[in-house]
Amino acid sequence: NILHKHKSRIENYLNINLGYDIAFKRISFNFLKGLHISGISIFYNTQDKAPVFIKNAFMSIKIPSIFLGKVVLEIKADETQLLVKREEDGYNLQIIFSDIYKKICEGKSQVPSIFTKNVSVFVGLVKLIYTDNPHFQDNIHILLKHLQIEQRGEKFKFNSDIEFKYPLQKSSYISRFI
């Protein structure tokens, strides 16, 4: 695939323009599915583990929207893992996403701002893990299922099924009643 041959150039371009270390395993383009990127990692503050990991993402432009005079970018992802950590200036994810969004919207990056006005994001499963609390383990997390975020101009719409997963082992709760 021609895009995959230029993967390091594309990663470098994104790193410079968005201000974060962004890496991915594979990138390809298909006229039916659009742009496919797998294994997307966004690193923050030179941490070893990426706080944002997306297993697969597909980006396409809705063809009917072009005929209506609007470009609607559609992003679909199947699985996403977000590691949440408190930093001096706020939570790392809040900082990352707001920084990237501001750079694109304010024209501080070379990413075309046409894609920030009408965007639909669909994610099958998002797993949020809060990494600051030493009592929290990887099996304690918040799941967002069938997440949908839509931006039409200045308006945002958010919809998701939310589950808090806190599986307790039998030993940790049976002993409390004995």
N, C-alpha and C. Protein backbone atom coordinates (compact mmCIF):
# COMPACT_ATOMS: atom_id res chain seq x y z
N ASN A 1 0.84 -1.18 0.00
CA ASN A 1 0.00 0.00 0.00
C ASN A 1 0.88 1.25 0.00
N ILE A 2 0.56 2.19 -0.84
CA ILE A 2 1.38 3.40 -1.00
C ILE A 2 1.41 4.25 0.27
N LEU A 3 0.30 4.32 1.00
CA LEU A 3 0.26 5.12 2.23
C LEU A 3 1.15 4.52 3.31
N HIS A 4 1.13 3.19 3.42
CA HIS A 4 1.93 2.53 4.46
C HIS A 4 3.43 2.75 4.24
N LYS A 5 3.84 2.89 2.98
CA LYS A 5 5.25 3.15 2.67
C LYS A 5 5.69 4.50 3.24
N HIS A 6 4.73 5.43 3.36
CA HIS A 6 5.03 6.77 3.86
C HIS A 6 4.55 6.96 5.30
N LYS A 7 4.38 5.87 6.02
CA LYS A 7 3.85 5.91 7.39
C LYS A 7 4.68 6.82 8.30
N SER A 8 5.99 6.71 8.26
CA SER A 8 6.83 7.52 9.15
C SER A 8 6.73 9.01 8.80
N ARG A 9 6.57 9.33 7.54
CA ARG A 9 6.39 10.73 7.12
C ARG A 9 5.06 11.28 7.64
N ILE A 10 4.01 10.46 7.54
CA ILE A 10 2.69 10.88 7.99
C ILE A 10 2.70 11.07 9.51
N GLU A 11 3.31 10.12 10.24
CA GLU A 11 3.42 10.25 11.69
C GLU A 11 4.18 11.53 12.07
N ASN A 12 5.28 11.79 11.40
CA ASN A 12 6.08 12.98 11.67
C ASN A 12 5.28 14.25 11.41
N TYR A 13 4.53 14.27 10.31
CA TYR A 13 3.69 15.42 9.97
C TYR A 13 2.65 15.68 11.08
N LEU A 14 1.99 14.61 11.53
CA LEU A 14 1.00 14.75 12.60
C LEU A 14 1.63 15.19 13.91
N ASN A 15 2.80 14.62 14.23
CA ASN A 15 3.49 14.99 15.47
C ASN A 15 3.83 16.48 15.50
N ILE A 16 4.34 16.98 14.38
CA ILE A 16 4.72 18.40 14.30
C ILE A 16 3.48 19.29 14.38
N ASN A 17 2.43 18.95 13.63
CA ASN A 17 1.26 19.81 13.55
C ASN A 17 0.34 19.73 14.77
N LEU A 18 0.26 18.58 15.41
CA LEU A 18 -0.66 18.43 16.54
C LEU A 18 0.05 18.53 17.88
N GLY A 19 1.39 18.43 17.89
CA GLY A 19 2.15 18.64 19.11
C GLY A 19 2.23 17.46 20.05
N TYR A 20 1.85 16.28 19.61
CA TYR A 20 1.93 15.07 20.44
C TYR A 20 2.58 13.96 19.63
N ASP A 21 3.19 13.01 20.34
CA ASP A 21 3.76 11.85 19.65
C ASP A 21 2.63 10.91 19.27
N ILE A 22 2.41 10.78 17.96
CA ILE A 22 1.35 9.93 17.44
C ILE A 22 2.01 8.83 16.61
N ALA A 23 1.66 7.60 16.92
CA ALA A 23 2.22 6.47 16.18
C ALA A 23 1.09 5.53 15.81
N PHE A 24 1.23 4.81 14.72
CA PHE A 24 0.26 3.78 14.36
C PHE A 24 0.96 2.64 13.66
N LYS A 25 0.30 1.47 13.70
CA LYS A 25 0.91 0.26 13.14
C LYS A 25 0.77 0.22 11.63
N ARG A 26 -0.40 0.55 11.15
CA ARG A 26 -0.65 0.40 9.72
C ARG A 26 -1.62 1.49 9.23
N ILE A 27 -1.43 1.91 7.98
CA ILE A 27 -2.32 2.88 7.37
C ILE A 27 -2.58 2.44 5.93
N SER A 28 -3.84 2.54 5.51
CA SER A 28 -4.19 2.17 4.13
C SER A 28 -5.41 2.97 3.70
N PHE A 29 -5.68 2.96 2.40
CA PHE A 29 -6.82 3.68 1.86
C PHE A 29 -7.58 2.77 0.91
N ASN A 30 -8.92 2.84 1.04
CA ASN A 30 -9.81 2.05 0.20
C ASN A 30 -10.97 2.97 -0.18
N PHE A 31 -11.38 2.98 -1.44
CA PHE A 31 -12.45 3.90 -1.86
C PHE A 31 -13.78 3.61 -1.17
N LEU A 32 -14.04 2.36 -0.82
CA LEU A 32 -15.31 2.02 -0.16
C LEU A 32 -15.29 2.36 1.34
N LYS A 33 -14.19 2.01 2.03
CA LYS A 33 -14.11 2.22 3.47
C LYS A 33 -13.45 3.54 3.85
N GLY A 34 -12.67 4.11 2.97
CA GLY A 34 -11.95 5.35 3.27
C GLY A 34 -10.59 5.04 3.84
N LEU A 35 -10.11 5.92 4.68
CA LEU A 35 -8.79 5.79 5.30
C LEU A 35 -8.90 4.84 6.48
N HIS A 36 -8.02 3.84 6.55
CA HIS A 36 -8.02 2.88 7.65
C HIS A 36 -6.68 2.97 8.36
N ILE A 37 -6.72 3.26 9.66
CA ILE A 37 -5.50 3.32 10.46
C ILE A 37 -5.68 2.34 11.62
N SER A 38 -4.69 1.47 11.82
CA SER A 38 -4.78 0.52 12.94
C SER A 38 -3.66 0.77 13.93
N GLY A 39 -3.95 0.47 15.18
CA GLY A 39 -2.98 0.61 16.25
C GLY A 39 -2.52 2.04 16.49
N ILE A 40 -3.47 2.97 16.63
CA ILE A 40 -3.13 4.38 16.84
C ILE A 40 -2.82 4.61 18.32
N SER A 41 -1.65 5.20 18.58
CA SER A 41 -1.25 5.54 19.95
C SER A 41 -0.91 7.02 20.01
N ILE A 42 -1.44 7.70 21.01
CA ILE A 42 -1.09 9.11 21.24
C ILE A 42 -0.42 9.18 22.61
N PHE A 43 0.83 9.63 22.61
CA PHE A 43 1.62 9.69 23.84
C PHE A 43 1.59 11.10 24.42
N TYR A 44 1.73 11.17 25.75
CA TYR A 44 1.67 12.44 26.47
C TYR A 44 2.84 12.53 27.44
N ASN A 45 3.56 13.63 27.42
CA ASN A 45 4.67 13.89 28.36
C ASN A 45 5.69 12.75 28.44
N THR A 46 6.10 12.26 27.32
CA THR A 46 7.11 11.19 27.20
C THR A 46 6.83 9.98 28.08
N GLN A 47 5.57 9.65 28.27
CA GLN A 47 5.22 8.45 29.03
C GLN A 47 5.44 7.22 28.15
N ASP A 48 5.77 6.10 28.79
CA ASP A 48 6.00 4.86 28.05
C ASP A 48 4.71 4.30 27.47
N LYS A 49 3.64 4.41 28.24
CA LYS A 49 2.37 3.85 27.81
C LYS A 49 1.48 4.97 27.28
N ALA A 50 0.91 4.75 26.09
CA ALA A 50 0.07 5.77 25.47
C ALA A 50 -1.26 5.88 26.21
N PRO A 51 -1.64 7.09 26.65
CA PRO A 51 -2.94 7.24 27.31
C PRO A 51 -4.12 7.10 26.34
N VAL A 52 -3.85 7.22 25.03
CA VAL A 52 -4.89 7.02 24.03
C VAL A 52 -4.43 5.92 23.08
N PHE A 53 -5.23 4.85 23.00
CA PHE A 53 -4.93 3.77 22.05
C PHE A 53 -6.23 3.39 21.33
N ILE A 54 -6.19 3.42 20.01
CA ILE A 54 -7.34 3.06 19.18
C ILE A 54 -6.95 1.86 18.33
N LYS A 55 -7.67 0.77 18.50
CA LYS A 55 -7.31 -0.46 17.78
C LYS A 55 -7.46 -0.29 16.27
N ASN A 56 -8.59 0.18 15.82
CA ASN A 56 -8.84 0.42 14.39
C ASN A 56 -9.71 1.65 14.23
N ALA A 57 -9.36 2.49 13.27
CA ALA A 57 -10.17 3.67 12.95
C ALA A 57 -10.33 3.77 11.45
N PHE A 58 -11.55 4.09 11.04
CA PHE A 58 -11.87 4.29 9.63
C PHE A 58 -12.37 5.72 9.48
N MET A 59 -11.79 6.47 8.55
CA MET A 59 -12.22 7.85 8.31
C MET A 59 -12.66 7.98 6.87
N SER A 60 -13.87 8.49 6.71
CA SER A 60 -14.39 8.68 5.36
C SER A 60 -15.23 9.94 5.31
N ILE A 61 -15.40 10.45 4.09
CA ILE A 61 -16.26 11.62 3.89
C ILE A 61 -17.59 11.10 3.37
N LYS A 62 -18.68 11.54 4.00
CA LYS A 62 -20.01 11.13 3.54
C LYS A 62 -20.26 11.75 2.17
N ILE A 63 -20.37 10.91 1.17
CA ILE A 63 -20.51 11.39 -0.21
C ILE A 63 -21.76 12.26 -0.40
N PRO A 64 -22.94 11.87 0.13
CA PRO A 64 -24.13 12.73 -0.06
C PRO A 64 -23.95 14.14 0.49
N SER A 65 -23.12 14.28 1.54
CA SER A 65 -22.92 15.61 2.13
C SER A 65 -22.23 16.56 1.16
N ILE A 66 -21.41 16.04 0.27
CA ILE A 66 -20.70 16.88 -0.70
C ILE A 66 -21.71 17.54 -1.64
N PHE A 67 -22.72 16.78 -2.05
CA PHE A 67 -23.74 17.31 -2.97
C PHE A 67 -24.65 18.33 -2.28
N LEU A 68 -24.69 18.29 -0.95
CA LEU A 68 -25.49 19.25 -0.20
C LEU A 68 -24.68 20.49 0.19
N GLY A 69 -23.43 20.53 -0.29
CA GLY A 69 -22.57 21.70 -0.03
C GLY A 69 -21.87 21.68 1.31
N LYS A 70 -21.92 20.55 2.02
CA LYS A 70 -21.22 20.42 3.31
C LYS A 70 -20.34 19.18 3.24
N VAL A 71 -19.20 19.26 3.86
CA VAL A 71 -18.34 18.08 3.97
C VAL A 71 -18.50 17.52 5.37
N VAL A 72 -18.96 16.28 5.46
CA VAL A 72 -19.12 15.62 6.75
C VAL A 72 -18.10 14.50 6.85
N LEU A 73 -17.19 14.64 7.80
CA LEU A 73 -16.18 13.62 8.04
C LEU A 73 -16.77 12.61 9.02
N GLU A 74 -16.68 11.34 8.67
CA GLU A 74 -17.20 10.29 9.54
C GLU A 74 -16.02 9.45 10.02
N ILE A 75 -15.92 9.31 11.34
CA ILE A 75 -14.84 8.51 11.94
C ILE A 75 -15.50 7.36 12.69
N LYS A 76 -15.07 6.15 12.37
CA LYS A 76 -15.58 4.96 13.07
C LYS A 76 -14.41 4.22 13.68
N ALA A 77 -14.54 3.85 14.94
CA ALA A 77 -13.50 3.08 15.62
C ALA A 77 -14.17 1.91 16.31
N ASP A 78 -13.46 0.78 16.36
CA ASP A 78 -14.09 -0.36 17.02
C ASP A 78 -13.76 -0.42 18.51
N GLU A 79 -12.49 -0.27 18.89
CA GLU A 79 -12.13 -0.32 20.30
C GLU A 79 -11.14 0.79 20.63
N THR A 80 -11.36 1.44 21.76
CA THR A 80 -10.47 2.51 22.20
C THR A 80 -10.20 2.33 23.69
N GLN A 81 -8.95 2.55 24.09
CA GLN A 81 -8.59 2.50 25.51
C GLN A 81 -8.02 3.85 25.90
N LEU A 82 -8.55 4.43 26.98
CA LEU A 82 -8.11 5.73 27.46
C LEU A 82 -7.62 5.61 28.89
N LEU A 83 -6.36 5.97 29.13
CA LEU A 83 -5.79 5.94 30.47
C LEU A 83 -5.83 7.36 31.04
N VAL A 84 -6.65 7.55 32.05
CA VAL A 84 -6.88 8.89 32.62
C VAL A 84 -5.94 9.12 33.79
N LYS A 85 -5.25 10.26 33.76
CA LYS A 85 -4.34 10.60 34.86
C LYS A 85 -4.42 12.09 35.15
N ARG A 86 -4.40 12.43 36.42
CA ARG A 86 -4.45 13.83 36.85
C ARG A 86 -3.07 14.45 36.67
N GLU A 87 -3.02 15.59 36.00
CA GLU A 87 -1.78 16.35 35.80
C GLU A 87 -1.93 17.70 36.48
N GLU A 88 -0.88 18.50 36.48
CA GLU A 88 -0.93 19.84 37.10
C GLU A 88 -2.03 20.70 36.50
N ASP A 89 -2.16 20.66 35.18
CA ASP A 89 -3.10 21.53 34.47
C ASP A 89 -4.47 20.89 34.24
N GLY A 90 -4.71 19.72 34.79
CA GLY A 90 -5.98 19.03 34.58
C GLY A 90 -5.71 17.58 34.21
N TYR A 91 -6.73 16.91 33.71
CA TYR A 91 -6.56 15.51 33.32
C TYR A 91 -5.88 15.42 31.96
N ASN A 92 -4.98 14.45 31.80
CA ASN A 92 -4.19 14.32 30.58
C ASN A 92 -5.05 14.25 29.32
N LEU A 93 -6.14 13.51 29.35
CA LEU A 93 -6.99 13.36 28.16
C LEU A 93 -7.65 14.68 27.79
N GLN A 94 -8.09 15.40 28.80
CA GLN A 94 -8.70 16.71 28.57
C GLN A 94 -7.69 17.64 27.90
N ILE A 95 -6.45 17.62 28.37
CA ILE A 95 -5.40 18.46 27.82
C ILE A 95 -5.10 18.07 26.38
N ILE A 96 -4.92 16.77 26.13
CA ILE A 96 -4.59 16.28 24.78
C ILE A 96 -5.68 16.66 23.79
N PHE A 97 -6.92 16.28 24.08
CA PHE A 97 -8.00 16.49 23.11
C PHE A 97 -8.30 17.97 22.89
N SER A 98 -8.27 18.77 23.97
CA SER A 98 -8.55 20.20 23.79
C SER A 98 -7.42 20.88 23.03
N ASP A 99 -6.17 20.50 23.29
CA ASP A 99 -5.03 21.07 22.55
C ASP A 99 -5.14 20.77 21.06
N ILE A 100 -5.40 19.52 20.73
CA ILE A 100 -5.50 19.12 19.33
C ILE A 100 -6.66 19.84 18.65
N TYR A 101 -7.80 19.86 19.33
CA TYR A 101 -8.99 20.51 18.77
C TYR A 101 -8.74 21.99 18.52
N LYS A 102 -8.13 22.68 19.50
CA LYS A 102 -7.85 24.12 19.35
C LYS A 102 -6.89 24.38 18.20
N LYS A 103 -5.85 23.56 18.08
CA LYS A 103 -4.87 23.76 17.01
C LYS A 103 -5.51 23.62 15.64
N ILE A 104 -6.42 22.65 15.51
CA ILE A 104 -7.09 22.46 14.21
C ILE A 104 -8.07 23.60 13.95
N CYS A 105 -8.90 23.94 14.95
CA CYS A 105 -9.94 24.96 14.77
C CYS A 105 -9.38 26.36 14.58
N GLU A 106 -8.31 26.66 15.28
CA GLU A 106 -7.75 28.01 15.20
C GLU A 106 -6.74 28.15 14.06
N GLY A 107 -6.58 27.08 13.27
CA GLY A 107 -5.68 27.14 12.13
C GLY A 107 -4.22 27.15 12.50
N LYS A 108 -3.89 26.68 13.70
CA LYS A 108 -2.48 26.65 14.12
C LYS A 108 -1.76 25.42 13.59
N SER A 109 -2.50 24.52 12.96
CA SER A 109 -1.87 23.36 12.33
C SER A 109 -2.18 23.42 10.84
N GLN A 110 -1.53 22.54 10.09
CA GLN A 110 -1.77 22.52 8.66
C GLN A 110 -2.87 21.53 8.28
N VAL A 111 -3.60 21.04 9.29
CA VAL A 111 -4.73 20.16 9.03
C VAL A 111 -5.90 21.03 8.58
N PRO A 112 -6.53 20.72 7.44
CA PRO A 112 -7.63 21.57 6.94
C PRO A 112 -8.77 21.69 7.95
N SER A 113 -9.16 22.94 8.27
CA SER A 113 -10.21 23.16 9.27
C SER A 113 -11.59 22.79 8.75
N ILE A 114 -11.70 22.50 7.46
CA ILE A 114 -13.00 22.09 6.90
C ILE A 114 -13.53 20.85 7.60
N PHE A 115 -12.60 20.03 8.14
CA PHE A 115 -13.00 18.79 8.78
C PHE A 115 -13.42 18.96 10.23
N THR A 116 -13.40 20.16 10.75
CA THR A 116 -13.78 20.35 12.15
C THR A 116 -15.19 20.89 12.31
N LYS A 117 -15.87 21.21 11.24
CA LYS A 117 -17.20 21.81 11.34
C LYS A 117 -18.32 20.77 11.33
N ASN A 118 -18.14 19.69 10.62
CA ASN A 118 -19.16 18.64 10.54
C ASN A 118 -18.49 17.28 10.67
N VAL A 119 -18.50 16.77 11.90
CA VAL A 119 -17.81 15.52 12.17
C VAL A 119 -18.74 14.57 12.92
N SER A 120 -18.76 13.32 12.49
CA SER A 120 -19.50 12.27 13.21
C SER A 120 -18.49 11.23 13.67
N VAL A 121 -18.50 10.92 14.96
CA VAL A 121 -17.59 9.92 15.51
C VAL A 121 -18.44 8.80 16.10
N PHE A 122 -18.12 7.57 15.72
CA PHE A 122 -18.80 6.39 16.25
C PHE A 122 -17.74 5.43 16.78
N VAL A 123 -17.86 5.05 18.04
CA VAL A 123 -16.90 4.10 18.61
C VAL A 123 -17.69 2.98 19.26
N GLY A 124 -17.38 1.75 18.88
CA GLY A 124 -18.08 0.60 19.42
C GLY A 124 -17.90 0.46 20.92
N LEU A 125 -16.65 0.57 21.39
CA LEU A 125 -16.36 0.37 22.81
C LEU A 125 -15.19 1.25 23.23
N VAL A 126 -15.41 2.06 24.27
CA VAL A 126 -14.35 2.88 24.84
C VAL A 126 -14.17 2.44 26.28
N LYS A 127 -12.92 2.16 26.64
CA LYS A 127 -12.62 1.74 28.01
C LYS A 127 -11.79 2.83 28.67
N LEU A 128 -12.34 3.46 29.73
CA LEU A 128 -11.64 4.49 30.48
C LEU A 128 -11.07 3.89 31.75
N ILE A 129 -9.75 3.99 31.92
CA ILE A 129 -9.10 3.45 33.11
C ILE A 129 -8.43 4.60 33.84
N TYR A 130 -8.80 4.82 35.09
CA TYR A 130 -8.21 5.89 35.89
C TYR A 130 -6.94 5.33 36.53
N THR A 131 -5.77 5.84 36.14
CA THR A 131 -4.50 5.23 36.53
C THR A 131 -3.86 5.84 37.76
N ASP A 132 -4.42 6.91 38.33
CA ASP A 132 -3.80 7.59 39.47
C ASP A 132 -3.97 6.85 40.79
N ASN A 133 -5.11 6.27 41.01
CA ASN A 133 -5.44 5.66 42.29
C ASN A 133 -4.75 4.30 42.41
N PRO A 134 -3.88 4.11 43.41
CA PRO A 134 -3.18 2.82 43.53
C PRO A 134 -4.12 1.66 43.85
N HIS A 135 -5.33 1.98 44.33
CA HIS A 135 -6.29 0.91 44.65
C HIS A 135 -7.04 0.45 43.40
N PHE A 136 -7.01 1.28 42.35
CA PHE A 136 -7.66 0.89 41.10
C PHE A 136 -6.75 -0.09 40.36
N GLN A 137 -7.35 -1.07 39.75
CA GLN A 137 -6.60 -2.02 38.94
C GLN A 137 -7.17 -1.96 37.53
N ASP A 138 -6.52 -2.66 36.59
CA ASP A 138 -6.98 -2.64 35.21
C ASP A 138 -8.40 -3.19 35.04
N ASN A 139 -8.86 -3.99 36.01
CA ASN A 139 -10.20 -4.56 35.87
C ASN A 139 -11.29 -3.63 36.41
N ILE A 140 -10.92 -2.46 36.88
CA ILE A 140 -11.88 -1.46 37.34
C ILE A 140 -11.86 -0.34 36.31
N HIS A 141 -12.97 -0.15 35.62
CA HIS A 141 -12.97 0.83 34.53
C HIS A 141 -14.40 1.25 34.19
N ILE A 142 -14.47 2.27 33.38
CA ILE A 142 -15.76 2.73 32.86
C ILE A 142 -15.82 2.36 31.39
N LEU A 143 -16.93 1.76 30.99
CA LEU A 143 -17.12 1.40 29.59
C LEU A 143 -18.14 2.33 28.95
N LEU A 144 -17.78 2.87 27.80
CA LEU A 144 -18.73 3.61 26.98
C LEU A 144 -19.02 2.74 25.77
N LYS A 145 -20.26 2.30 25.64
CA LYS A 145 -20.63 1.42 24.53
C LYS A 145 -21.47 2.20 23.52
N HIS A 146 -21.21 1.95 22.26
CA HIS A 146 -21.93 2.60 21.15
C HIS A 146 -21.86 4.13 21.28
N LEU A 147 -20.66 4.61 21.51
CA LEU A 147 -20.44 6.05 21.67
C LEU A 147 -20.64 6.78 20.35
N GLN A 148 -21.40 7.87 20.41
CA GLN A 148 -21.62 8.72 19.23
C GLN A 148 -21.39 10.17 19.62
N ILE A 149 -20.50 10.81 18.89
CA ILE A 149 -20.27 12.25 19.07
C ILE A 149 -20.48 12.90 17.72
N GLU A 150 -21.36 13.88 17.68
CA GLU A 150 -21.60 14.58 16.42
C GLU A 150 -21.38 16.07 16.64
N GLN A 151 -20.66 16.66 15.70
CA GLN A 151 -20.48 18.11 15.72
C GLN A 151 -21.05 18.67 14.43
N ARG A 152 -21.99 19.56 14.56
CA ARG A 152 -22.56 20.28 13.42
C ARG A 152 -22.32 21.76 13.67
N GLY A 153 -21.32 22.31 13.03
CA GLY A 153 -20.96 23.70 13.28
C GLY A 153 -20.46 23.86 14.69
N GLU A 154 -21.16 24.63 15.50
CA GLU A 154 -20.74 24.88 16.88
C GLU A 154 -21.47 24.00 17.89
N LYS A 155 -22.38 23.14 17.43
CA LYS A 155 -23.17 22.31 18.34
C LYS A 155 -22.61 20.90 18.43
N PHE A 156 -22.58 20.36 19.66
CA PHE A 156 -22.12 19.00 19.90
C PHE A 156 -23.27 18.15 20.43
N LYS A 157 -23.27 16.90 20.04
CA LYS A 157 -24.26 15.94 20.54
C LYS A 157 -23.50 14.69 20.98
N PHE A 158 -23.75 14.23 22.20
CA PHE A 158 -23.06 13.08 22.77
C PHE A 158 -24.08 12.04 23.20
N ASN A 159 -23.84 10.79 22.84
CA ASN A 159 -24.75 9.72 23.23
C ASN A 159 -23.94 8.44 23.44
N SER A 160 -24.20 7.72 24.53
CA SER A 160 -23.49 6.47 24.80
C SER A 160 -24.18 5.71 25.92
N ASP A 161 -24.04 4.38 25.87
CA ASP A 161 -24.41 3.55 27.02
C ASP A 161 -23.19 3.53 27.93
N ILE A 162 -23.39 3.84 29.22
CA ILE A 162 -22.26 3.92 30.14
C ILE A 162 -22.39 2.83 31.20
N GLU A 163 -21.29 2.09 31.42
CA GLU A 163 -21.26 1.05 32.44
C GLU A 163 -20.03 1.24 33.30
N PHE A 164 -20.21 1.11 34.61
CA PHE A 164 -19.06 1.15 35.51
C PHE A 164 -18.75 -0.28 35.89
N LYS A 165 -17.56 -0.75 35.53
CA LYS A 165 -17.16 -2.14 35.80
C LYS A 165 -16.26 -2.17 37.02
N TYR A 166 -16.72 -2.90 38.04
CA TYR A 166 -15.93 -3.04 39.26
C TYR A 166 -16.07 -4.48 39.73
N PRO A 167 -15.46 -5.41 39.01
CA PRO A 167 -15.62 -6.82 39.40
C PRO A 167 -14.87 -7.15 40.68
N LEU A 168 -15.59 -7.60 41.68
CA LEU A 168 -14.97 -7.99 42.95
C LEU A 168 -14.76 -9.50 42.97
N GLN A 169 -13.61 -9.91 43.49
CA GLN A 169 -13.38 -11.34 43.67
C GLN A 169 -14.14 -11.79 44.91
N LYS A 170 -14.53 -13.08 44.94
CA LYS A 170 -15.32 -13.58 46.07
C LYS A 170 -14.62 -13.33 47.40
N SER A 171 -13.32 -13.52 47.45
CA SER A 171 -12.59 -13.38 48.72
C SER A 171 -12.70 -11.96 49.28
N SER A 172 -12.84 -10.95 48.42
CA SER A 172 -12.86 -9.58 48.90
C SER A 172 -14.19 -9.17 49.48
N TYR A 173 -15.29 -9.86 49.15
CA TYR A 173 -16.55 -9.47 49.75
C TYR A 173 -17.14 -10.52 50.68
N ILE A 174 -16.81 -11.80 50.50
CA ILE A 174 -17.34 -12.83 51.42
C ILE A 174 -16.73 -12.64 52.80
N SER A 175 -15.45 -12.29 52.86
CA SER A 175 -14.78 -12.13 54.16
C SER A 175 -15.40 -11.02 55.01
N ARG A 176 -16.08 -10.09 54.39
CA ARG A 176 -16.67 -8.98 55.14
C ARG A 176 -17.93 -9.42 55.91
N PHE A 177 -18.52 -10.54 55.50
CA PHE A 177 -19.74 -11.00 56.17
C PHE A 177 -19.47 -12.16 57.12
N ILE A 178 -18.23 -12.56 57.30
CA ILE A 178 -17.92 -13.71 58.17
C ILE A 178 -17.37 -13.21 59.51
